[in-house]
C-alpha atoms as a PDB file:
ATOM      1  CA  MET A   1       6.765   2.875 -15.989  1.00  0.00           C
ATOM      2  CA  CYS A   2       4.273   3.780 -13.681  1.00  0.00           C
ATOM      3  CA  ARG A   3       4.148   4.554 -10.311  1.00  0.00           C
ATOM      4  CA  LEU A   4       1.880   2.651  -7.910  1.00  0.00           C
ATOM      5  CA  LEU A   5       0.693   3.427  -4.266  1.00  0.00           C
ATOM      6  CA  ALA A   6      -0.876   0.853  -1.867  1.00  0.00           C
ATOM      7  CA  VAL A   7      -2.012   1.831   1.666  1.00  0.00           C
ATOM      8  CA  HIS A   8      -3.882  -0.369   4.277  1.00  0.00           C
ATOM      9  CA  ASP A   9      -4.497   0.471   7.943  1.00  0.00           C
ATOM     10  CA  SER A  10      -6.643  -0.624  10.993  1.00  0.00           C
ATOM     11  CA  ARG A  11      -7.641   3.180  11.455  1.00  0.00           C
ATOM     12  CA  PRO A  12      -8.990   5.538   8.787  1.00  0.00           C
ATOM     13  CA  PHE A  13      -6.220   8.099   7.278  1.00  0.00           C
ATOM     14  CA  ASP A  14      -6.327  11.049   4.865  1.00  0.00           C
ATOM     15  CA  ILE A  15      -6.650   9.878   1.334  1.00  0.00           C
ATOM     16  CA  GLY A  16      -4.969  13.530   0.219  1.00  0.00           C
ATOM     17  CA  SER A  17      -2.062  13.392   2.060  1.00  0.00           C
ATOM     18  CA  GLN A  18      -1.089   9.984   1.070  1.00  0.00           C
ATOM     19  CA  VAL A  19      -1.871  10.699  -2.487  1.00  0.00           C
ATOM     20  CA  LYS A  20       0.149  13.666  -2.122  1.00  0.00           C
ATOM     21  CA  GLN A  21       3.180  11.725  -1.656  1.00  0.00           C
ATOM     22  CA  LEU A  22       2.481   9.973  -4.578  1.00  0.00           C
ATOM     23  CA  ALA A  23       2.510  13.214  -6.608  1.00  0.00           C
ATOM     24  CA  ALA A  24       5.600  14.257  -5.327  1.00  0.00           C
ATOM     25  CA  VAL A  25       7.470  11.135  -6.345  1.00  0.00           C
ATOM     26  CA  ALA A  26       5.873  10.783  -9.783  1.00  0.00           C
ATOM     27  CA  ARG A  27       6.810  14.506 -10.236  1.00  0.00           C
ATOM     28  CA  ASN A  28      10.610  14.038  -9.204  1.00  0.00           C
ATOM     29  CA  SER A  29      10.497  10.770 -11.285  1.00  0.00           C
ATOM     30  CA  ARG A  30      13.338  10.815 -14.277  1.00  0.00           C
ATOM     31  CA  GLU A  31      10.620   9.021 -16.381  1.00  0.00           C
ATOM     32  CA  TYR A  32       7.733  11.311 -17.045  1.00  0.00           C
ATOM     33  CA  GLN A  33       4.406  10.040 -14.947  1.00  0.00           C
ATOM     34  CA  GLY A  34       2.196  12.719 -15.781  1.00  0.00           C
ATOM     35  CA  ASP A  35       0.152  10.797 -18.421  1.00  0.00           C
ATOM     36  CA  GLY A  36      -2.991  11.020 -15.700  1.00  0.00           C
ATOM     37  CA  TRP A  37      -3.907   8.995 -12.792  1.00  0.00           C
ATOM     38  CA  GLY A  38      -6.226   7.434 -10.629  1.00  0.00           C
ATOM     39  CA  CYS A  39      -7.200   6.011  -7.154  1.00  0.00           C
ATOM     40  CA  ALA A  40      -9.723   3.659  -5.592  1.00  0.00           C
ATOM     41  CA  TRP A  41     -10.572   3.635  -1.737  1.00  0.00           C
ATOM     42  CA  LEU A  42     -13.082   1.533   0.179  1.00  0.00           C
ATOM     43  CA  GLU A  43     -15.929   3.784   1.725  1.00  0.00           C
ATOM     44  CA  ALA A  44     -18.841   1.882   3.298  1.00  0.00           C
ATOM     45  CA  GLY A  45     -17.630  -1.444   2.126  1.00  0.00           C
ATOM     46  CA  GLN A  46     -17.871  -0.089  -1.135  1.00  0.00           C
ATOM     47  CA  TRP A  47     -14.978   0.577  -3.583  1.00  0.00           C
ATOM     48  CA  CYS A  48     -14.968   4.458  -5.090  1.00  0.00           C
ATOM     49  CA  VAL A  49     -12.943   4.856  -7.844  1.00  0.00           C
ATOM     50  CA  TYR A  50     -11.704   8.483  -9.297  1.00  0.00           C
ATOM     51  CA  ARG A  51      -9.544   9.254 -12.513  1.00  0.00           C
ATOM     52  CA  HIS A  52      -8.254  12.001 -14.226  1.00  0.00           C
ATOM     53  CA  ILE A  53      -6.368  12.929 -17.409  1.00  0.00           C
ATOM     54  CA  ARG A  54      -4.434  15.616 -15.507  1.00  0.00           C
ATOM     55  CA  PRO A  55      -0.864  14.798 -14.003  1.00  0.00           C
ATOM     56  CA  VAL A  56      -1.868  13.797 -10.400  1.00  0.00           C
ATOM     57  CA  TRP A  57       0.745  16.922  -9.038  1.00  0.00           C
ATOM     58  CA  GLU A  58      -2.018  19.031 -11.015  1.00  0.00           C
ATOM     59  CA  ASP A  59      -5.023  17.903  -9.661  1.00  0.00           C
ATOM     60  CA  ASP A  60      -6.697  19.372  -6.380  1.00  0.00           C
ATOM     61  CA  LEU A  61      -6.649  16.464  -3.797  1.00  0.00           C
ATOM     62  CA  SER A  62      -8.572  18.179  -1.153  1.00  0.00           C
ATOM     63  CA  PRO A  63     -12.433  16.766  -1.684  1.00  0.00           C
ATOM     64  CA  PHE A  64     -11.147  13.343  -0.966  1.00  0.00           C
ATOM     65  CA  GLY A  65     -11.933  11.909   2.464  1.00  0.00           C
ATOM     66  CA  ARG A  66     -10.504   8.885   4.736  1.00  0.00           C
ATOM     67  CA  THR A  67     -10.284   5.577   4.309  1.00  0.00           C
ATOM     68  CA  THR A  68      -8.787   2.243   5.376  1.00  0.00           C
ATOM     69  CA  LEU A  69      -7.544   0.977   2.079  1.00  0.00           C
ATOM     70  CA  LEU A  70      -6.401   2.824  -0.947  1.00  0.00           C
ATOM     71  CA  LEU A  71      -4.782   2.064  -4.161  1.00  0.00           C
ATOM     72  CA  ALA A  72      -3.415   4.588  -6.405  1.00  0.00           C
ATOM     73  CA  HIS A  73      -1.760   4.988  -9.885  1.00  0.00           C
ATOM     74  CA  ALA A  74       0.399   7.797 -11.636  1.00  0.00           C
ATOM     75  CA  ARG A  75       0.468   7.002 -15.695  1.00  0.00           C
ATOM     76  CA  SER A  76       3.823   6.899 -17.611  1.00  0.00           C
ATOM     77  CA  ALA A  77       2.112   6.144 -21.257  1.00  0.00           C
ATOM     78  CA  PHE A  78       3.541   2.848 -22.806  1.00  0.00           C
ATOM     79  CA  GLY A  79       5.628   3.721 -26.017  1.00  0.00           C
ATOM     80  CA  ASN A  80       3.965   6.202 -28.116  1.00  0.00           C
ATOM     81  CA  GLN A  81       0.549   5.856 -26.654  1.00  0.00           C
ATOM     82  CA  GLY A  82      -0.988   9.350 -25.659  1.00  0.00           C
ATOM     83  CA  PRO A  83      -2.920  10.306 -22.272  1.00  0.00           C
ATOM     84  CA  ASP A  84      -6.518   8.348 -22.289  1.00  0.00           C
ATOM     85  CA  VAL A  85      -8.283   8.255 -18.826  1.00  0.00           C
ATOM     86  CA  ALA A  86      -9.879   4.883 -19.935  1.00  0.00           C
ATOM     87  CA  ASN A  87      -5.971   3.390 -19.398  1.00  0.00           C
ATOM     88  CA  ASN A  88      -5.773   5.152 -15.989  1.00  0.00           C
ATOM     89  CA  MET A  89      -5.801   2.360 -13.093  1.00  0.00           C
ATOM     90  CA  PRO A  90      -6.929   1.259 -10.760  1.00  0.00           C
ATOM     91  CA  PHE A  91      -9.491  -1.211 -12.628  1.00  0.00           C
ATOM     92  CA  ILE A  92     -12.460  -2.475 -11.063  1.00  0.00           C
ATOM     93  CA  SER A  93     -14.496  -5.558 -11.715  1.00  0.00           C
ATOM     94  CA  GLY A  94     -17.563  -6.618  -9.146  1.00  0.00           C
ATOM     95  CA  ARG A  95     -15.364  -6.497  -5.350  1.00  0.00           C
ATOM     96  CA  GLU A  96     -12.349  -6.818  -7.309  1.00  0.00           C
ATOM     97  CA  VAL A  97      -9.615  -3.704  -7.855  1.00  0.00           C
ATOM     98  CA  PHE A  98      -6.105  -3.857  -8.843  1.00  0.00           C
ATOM     99  CA  ILE A  99      -3.247  -2.208 -10.207  1.00  0.00           C
ATOM    100  CA  PHE A 100      -0.302  -3.690 -11.769  1.00  0.00           C
ATOM    101  CA  ASN A 101       2.879  -2.326 -13.597  1.00  0.00           C
ATOM    102  CA  GLY A 102       5.600  -4.073 -15.738  1.00  0.00           C
ATOM    103  CA  GLU A 103       6.435  -4.540 -19.293  1.00  0.00           C
ATOM    104  CA  MET A 104       6.348  -8.084 -21.684  1.00  0.00           C
ATOM    105  CA  ARG A 105       8.478  -8.020 -24.845  1.00  0.00           C
ATOM    106  CA  GLY A 106       7.583 -10.460 -27.666  1.00  0.00           C
ATOM    107  CA  VAL A 107       4.262 -11.414 -26.467  1.00  0.00           C
ATOM    108  CA  ARG A 108       1.037 -10.882 -28.673  1.00  0.00           C
ATOM    109  CA  ILE A 109      -2.670 -11.321 -26.975  1.00  0.00           C
ATOM    110  CA  GLN A 110      -5.073 -12.298 -29.913  1.00  0.00           C
ATOM    111  CA  ALA A 111      -7.778  -9.866 -28.319  1.00  0.00           C
ATOM    112  CA  GLY A 112      -9.279  -6.491 -29.095  1.00  0.00           C
ATOM    113  CA  GLY A 113      -8.027  -3.455 -27.524  1.00  0.00           C
ATOM    114  CA  ARG A 114      -4.681  -1.548 -28.182  1.00  0.00           C
ATOM    115  CA  ILE A 115      -2.589  -2.394 -24.877  1.00  0.00           C
ATOM    116  CA  GLY A 116      -2.475  -4.698 -22.373  1.00  0.00           C
ATOM    117  CA  ALA A 117      -4.758  -2.895 -20.257  1.00  0.00           C
ATOM    118  CA  GLU A 118      -7.293  -2.631 -22.600  1.00  0.00           C
ATOM    119  CA  LYS A 119      -6.963  -6.231 -23.565  1.00  0.00           C
ATOM    120  CA  GLY A 120      -9.098  -7.673 -20.418  1.00  0.00           C
ATOM    121  CA  VAL A 121      -7.599 -10.862 -20.359  1.00  0.00           C
ATOM    122  CA  ALA A 122      -5.761 -12.738 -17.856  1.00  0.00           C
ATOM    123  CA  ILE A 123      -1.594 -13.819 -18.116  1.00  0.00           C
ATOM    124  CA  ASN A 124      -0.300 -16.630 -16.420  1.00  0.00           C
ATOM    125  CA  SER A 125       2.452 -15.800 -14.172  1.00  0.00           C
ATOM    126  CA  GLU A 126       5.074 -18.025 -11.848  1.00  0.00           C
ATOM    127  CA  ASN A 127       2.785 -17.615  -8.815  1.00  0.00           C
ATOM    128  CA  ASP A 128       5.112 -19.633  -6.216  1.00  0.00           C
ATOM    129  CA  ASP A 129       7.826 -16.334  -7.372  1.00  0.00           C
ATOM    130  CA  VAL A 130       5.325 -14.529  -6.284  1.00  0.00           C
ATOM    131  CA  VAL A 131       4.257 -15.498  -3.331  1.00  0.00           C
ATOM    132  CA  ALA A 132       7.954 -15.873  -2.093  1.00  0.00           C
ATOM    133  CA  LEU A 133       8.746 -12.186  -3.040  1.00  0.00           C
ATOM    134  CA  LEU A 134       5.768 -11.000  -1.516  1.00  0.00           C
ATOM    135  CA  HIS A 135       6.160 -13.328   1.660  1.00  0.00           C
ATOM    136  CA  GLN A 136       9.870 -11.086   1.963  1.00  0.00           C
ATOM    137  CA  THR A 137       7.973  -8.504   2.699  1.00  0.00           C
ATOM    138  CA  TYR A 138       4.678  -9.109   4.527  1.00  0.00           C
ATOM    139  CA  ARG A 139       6.170 -12.167   6.596  1.00  0.00           C
ATOM    140  CA  ALA A 140       2.156 -14.247   6.581  1.00  0.00           C
ATOM    141  CA  PRO A 141       2.159 -16.391   9.299  1.00  0.00           C
ATOM    142  CA  VAL A 142       0.475 -18.480   7.248  1.00  0.00           C
ATOM    143  CA  ILE A 143       0.225 -19.089   3.621  1.00  0.00           C
ATOM    144  CA  LEU A 144      -2.459 -20.882   1.687  1.00  0.00           C
ATOM    145  CA  GLN A 145      -1.851 -21.971  -2.329  1.00  0.00           C
ATOM    146  CA  LEU A 146      -4.735 -23.470  -3.902  1.00  0.00           C
ATOM    147  CA  ILE A 147      -3.577 -26.114  -6.980  1.00  0.00           C
ATOM    148  CA  GLU A 148      -5.312 -28.943  -8.982  1.00  0.00           C
ATOM    149  CA  ALA A 149      -4.730 -31.566  -6.789  1.00  0.00           C
ATOM    150  CA  ALA A 150      -5.652 -32.968  -2.947  1.00  0.00           C
ATOM    151  CA  GLY A 151      -1.687 -31.702  -2.078  1.00  0.00           C
ATOM    152  CA  LEU A 152       1.388 -32.480  -2.577  1.00  0.00           C
ATOM    153  CA  LEU A 153       1.339 -36.290  -4.098  1.00  0.00           C
ATOM    154  CA  ARG A 154       4.003 -38.854  -3.266  1.00  0.00           C
ATOM    155  CA  ASP A 155       3.475 -40.217  -6.895  1.00  0.00           C
ATOM    156  CA  PRO A 156       1.999 -37.621  -9.335  1.00  0.00           C
ATOM    157  CA  GLU A 157      -0.349 -40.868 -10.984  1.00  0.00           C
ATOM    158  CA  ASP A 158      -1.989 -41.717  -7.824  1.00  0.00           C
ATOM    159  CA  PRO A 159      -4.385 -38.835  -6.979  1.00  0.00           C
ATOM    160  CA  ALA A 160      -5.062 -40.203  -3.464  1.00  0.00           C
ATOM    161  CA  SER A 161      -1.257 -40.331  -2.379  1.00  0.00           C
ATOM    162  CA  VAL A 162      -1.306 -37.263  -0.570  1.00  0.00           C
ATOM    163  CA  ILE A 163       1.675 -36.121   1.729  1.00  0.00           C
ATOM    164  CA  PRO A 164      -0.362 -34.776   4.932  1.00  0.00           C
ATOM    165  CA  ARG A 165       2.597 -33.124   6.868  1.00  0.00           C
ATOM    166  CA  LEU A 166       5.886 -32.330   6.127  1.00  0.00           C
ATOM    167  CA  ARG A 167       8.632 -29.750   8.120  1.00  0.00           C
ATOM    168  CA  PRO A 168      10.582 -27.418   6.410  1.00  0.00           C
ATOM    169  CA  VAL A 169      13.711 -29.314   6.733  1.00  0.00           C
ATOM    170  CA  GLU A 170      12.368 -32.099   4.646  1.00  0.00           C
ATOM    171  CA  ILE A 171      11.305 -30.145   1.129  1.00  0.00           C
ATOM    172  CA  ALA A 172      15.029 -30.114   0.021  1.00  0.00           C
ATOM    173  CA  GLY A 173      14.731 -34.021   0.004  1.00  0.00           C
ATOM    174  CA  TRP A 174      11.134 -33.961  -1.633  1.00  0.00           C
ATOM    175  CA  GLU A 175      12.620 -31.700  -4.070  1.00  0.00           C
ATOM    176  CA  GLY A 176      15.973 -34.041  -5.143  1.00  0.00           C
ATOM    177  CA  GLN A 177      13.123 -36.741  -5.817  1.00  0.00           C
ATOM    178  CA  ALA A 178      10.792 -34.537  -7.914  1.00  0.00           C
ATOM    179  CA  HIS A 179      10.337 -33.880 -11.804  1.00  0.00           C
ATOM    180  CA  GLY A 180       8.712 -31.313 -13.654  1.00  0.00           C
ATOM    181  CA  ARG A 181       6.623 -28.270 -12.507  1.00  0.00           C
ATOM    182  CA  ILE A 182       6.441 -29.773  -8.722  1.00  0.00           C
ATOM    183  CA  LYS A 183      10.098 -29.558  -8.351  1.00  0.00           C
ATOM    184  CA  ARG A 184       9.959 -25.945  -9.303  1.00  0.00           C
ATOM    185  CA  LYS A 185       6.834 -25.276  -6.710  1.00  0.00           C
ATOM    186  CA  LEU A 186       9.285 -27.304  -3.858  1.00  0.00           C
ATOM    187  CA  HIS A 187      11.829 -24.898  -4.614  1.00  0.00           C
ATOM    188  CA  ALA A 188       9.824 -21.936  -4.000  1.00  0.00           C
ATOM    189  CA  LEU A 189       8.418 -23.461  -0.979  1.00  0.00           C
ATOM    190  CA  GLY A 190      11.828 -23.911   0.108  1.00  0.00           C
ATOM    191  CA  ARG A 191      12.424 -20.159  -0.474  1.00  0.00           C
ATOM    192  CA  LEU A 192       9.618 -19.293   2.272  1.00  0.00           C
ATOM    193  CA  PHE A 193      11.319 -20.911   5.032  1.00  0.00           C
ATOM    194  CA  GLN A 194      14.219 -18.443   4.253  1.00  0.00           C
ATOM    195  CA  HIS A 195      12.326 -15.610   5.534  1.00  0.00           C
ATOM    196  CA  GLY A 196      10.366 -16.626   9.101  1.00  0.00           C
ATOM    197  CA  SER A 197       8.681 -19.853   9.879  1.00  0.00           C
ATOM    198  CA  PRO A 198       5.295 -19.651   8.188  1.00  0.00           C
ATOM    199  CA  THR A 199       2.705 -22.233   8.247  1.00  0.00           C
ATOM    200  CA  VAL A 200       2.136 -23.316   4.100  1.00  0.00           C
ATOM    201  CA  ILE A 201      -0.961 -25.029   3.338  1.00  0.00           C
ATOM    202  CA  ILE A 202      -0.841 -26.705  -0.064  1.00  0.00           C
ATOM    203  CA  ALA A 203      -4.737 -27.700  -0.666  1.00  0.00           C
ATOM    204  CA  ASP A 204      -6.894 -28.502  -3.344  1.00  0.00           C
ATOM    205  CA  GLY A 205      -8.858 -25.595  -4.980  1.00  0.00           C
ATOM    206  CA  ARG A 206     -11.240 -27.397  -6.773  1.00  0.00           C
ATOM    207  CA  ARG A 207     -13.425 -28.260  -3.169  1.00  0.00           C
ATOM    208  CA  GLU A 208     -16.918 -26.310  -2.665  1.00  0.00           C
ATOM    209  CA  HIS A 209     -15.075 -24.801   0.353  1.00  0.00           C
ATOM    210  CA  PRO A 210     -11.184 -24.726  -0.359  1.00  0.00           C
ATOM    211  CA  VAL A 211      -9.858 -22.005   1.909  1.00  0.00           C
ATOM    212  CA  ARG A 212     -12.048 -23.056   4.884  1.00  0.00           C
ATOM    213  CA  ASP A 213     -11.299 -27.062   4.013  1.00  0.00           C
ATOM    214  CA  GLY A 214      -7.278 -25.986   3.522  1.00  0.00           C
ATOM    215  CA  LEU A 215      -7.124 -23.833   7.058  1.00  0.00           C
ATOM    216  CA  ALA A 216      -8.407 -26.883   8.856  1.00  0.00           C
ATOM    217  CA  GLY A 217      -5.328 -28.970   7.374  1.00  0.00           C
ATOM    218  CA  ARG A 218      -7.083 -30.937   4.347  1.00  0.00           C
ATOM    219  CA  GLY A 219      -3.873 -31.078   2.407  1.00  0.00           C
ATOM    220  CA  THR A 220      -0.482 -30.426   2.839  1.00  0.00           C
ATOM    221  CA  VAL A 221       0.345 -28.812   5.852  1.00  0.00           C
ATOM    222  CA  ILE A 222       4.243 -27.422   5.992  1.00  0.00           C
ATOM    223  CA  ALA A 223       5.267 -26.233   9.155  1.00  0.00           C
ATOM    224  CA  GLU A 224       7.730 -26.485  12.437  1.00  0.00           C
ATOM    225  CA  GLN A 225       4.829 -27.364  14.622  1.00  0.00           C
ATOM    226  CA  GLN A 226       1.861 -29.653  13.644  1.00  0.00           C
ATOM    227  CA  LEU A 227      -1.351 -29.717  15.569  1.00  0.00           C
ATOM    228  CA  PRO A 228      -2.662 -33.107  16.522  1.00  0.00           C
ATOM    229  CA  GLY A 229      -6.109 -32.119  14.926  1.00  0.00           C
ATOM    230  CA  GLY A 230      -4.022 -31.150  11.530  1.00  0.00           C
ATOM    231  CA  GLY A 231      -5.146 -27.744  11.503  1.00  0.00           C
ATOM    232  CA  VAL A 232      -3.553 -24.360  11.795  1.00  0.00           C
ATOM    233  CA  PRO A 233      -1.301 -23.740  14.453  1.00  0.00           C
END
């Protein structure tokens, strides 16, 4: 497995000192993580990216400045694939930068490239499980999920049967009546309230302004307290 680092702070911090901590952990890892490395950081609102084939603990970290957001990757080459700087993350696409880790066995993607990082295709994952896992750490006060429906529906065959408001204690009852994928989603939603009392909004991602409309309460709002106007507490 590779070694990943993500650091965010409202105040600028020294990039080199953060990467040095990544380097120390990668160097002492039981699994070799010296097949090159890379990092991306925000500077004046723009992403800057650096990659090198040498191990991170052998590189000169002094030229790096300060930032408020940093992503870094110490690579452990998969299988018998040797070092190649093109495979070093972070990867950047426009204003989006990402790093990832993991291995999928038995999956064959019909696209160019030797490994998944080179193929440039999206892979579906269980978003509900990912959101529940992230919430255990970050305890977000508001969670907005965009789906291909106007919200949770009383009748899956009736797009207009949106459930506008739910309390967390009602989720289990709806889960007991549900079938298919929505049953799994309701189960995952219930897990969110095991770690705090967030406001969860299920809204239509197909709208022209899905985030703004969702935060305005256009969809299904699940919360302990509901505002009269339907917006987010």
